[in-house]
Amino acid sequence: MSTEPLDPQTAYYYNTETGQVEQGYVSDWTGRMGPYRSRAEAEKALETAAQRNTAWEQADREWNGDEDQEDR
């Protein structure tokens, strides 16, 4: 994973309203996920978000001492 800053004008974004990947600021920020370094990364935006949410929920359970509880 590169640590170089992204140029938002040429980065890739996932449009949550259309389900399409866009390059640059094509649509309004309210329906845009990103920026991403590649089209392939942007195409997996929802999958990546779901995986991160699962990991964060598990970390919260561990922090709260509820390791044995599943999501409600």
Foldseek 3Di string as FASTA:
>chain_A
DDPDDDDQQAFWWQFQVPRAIDGHCPDDPVRIDDRDRDRVVRNCVVVVVVVVVVVVVCVVCVVVVNNPDDDD
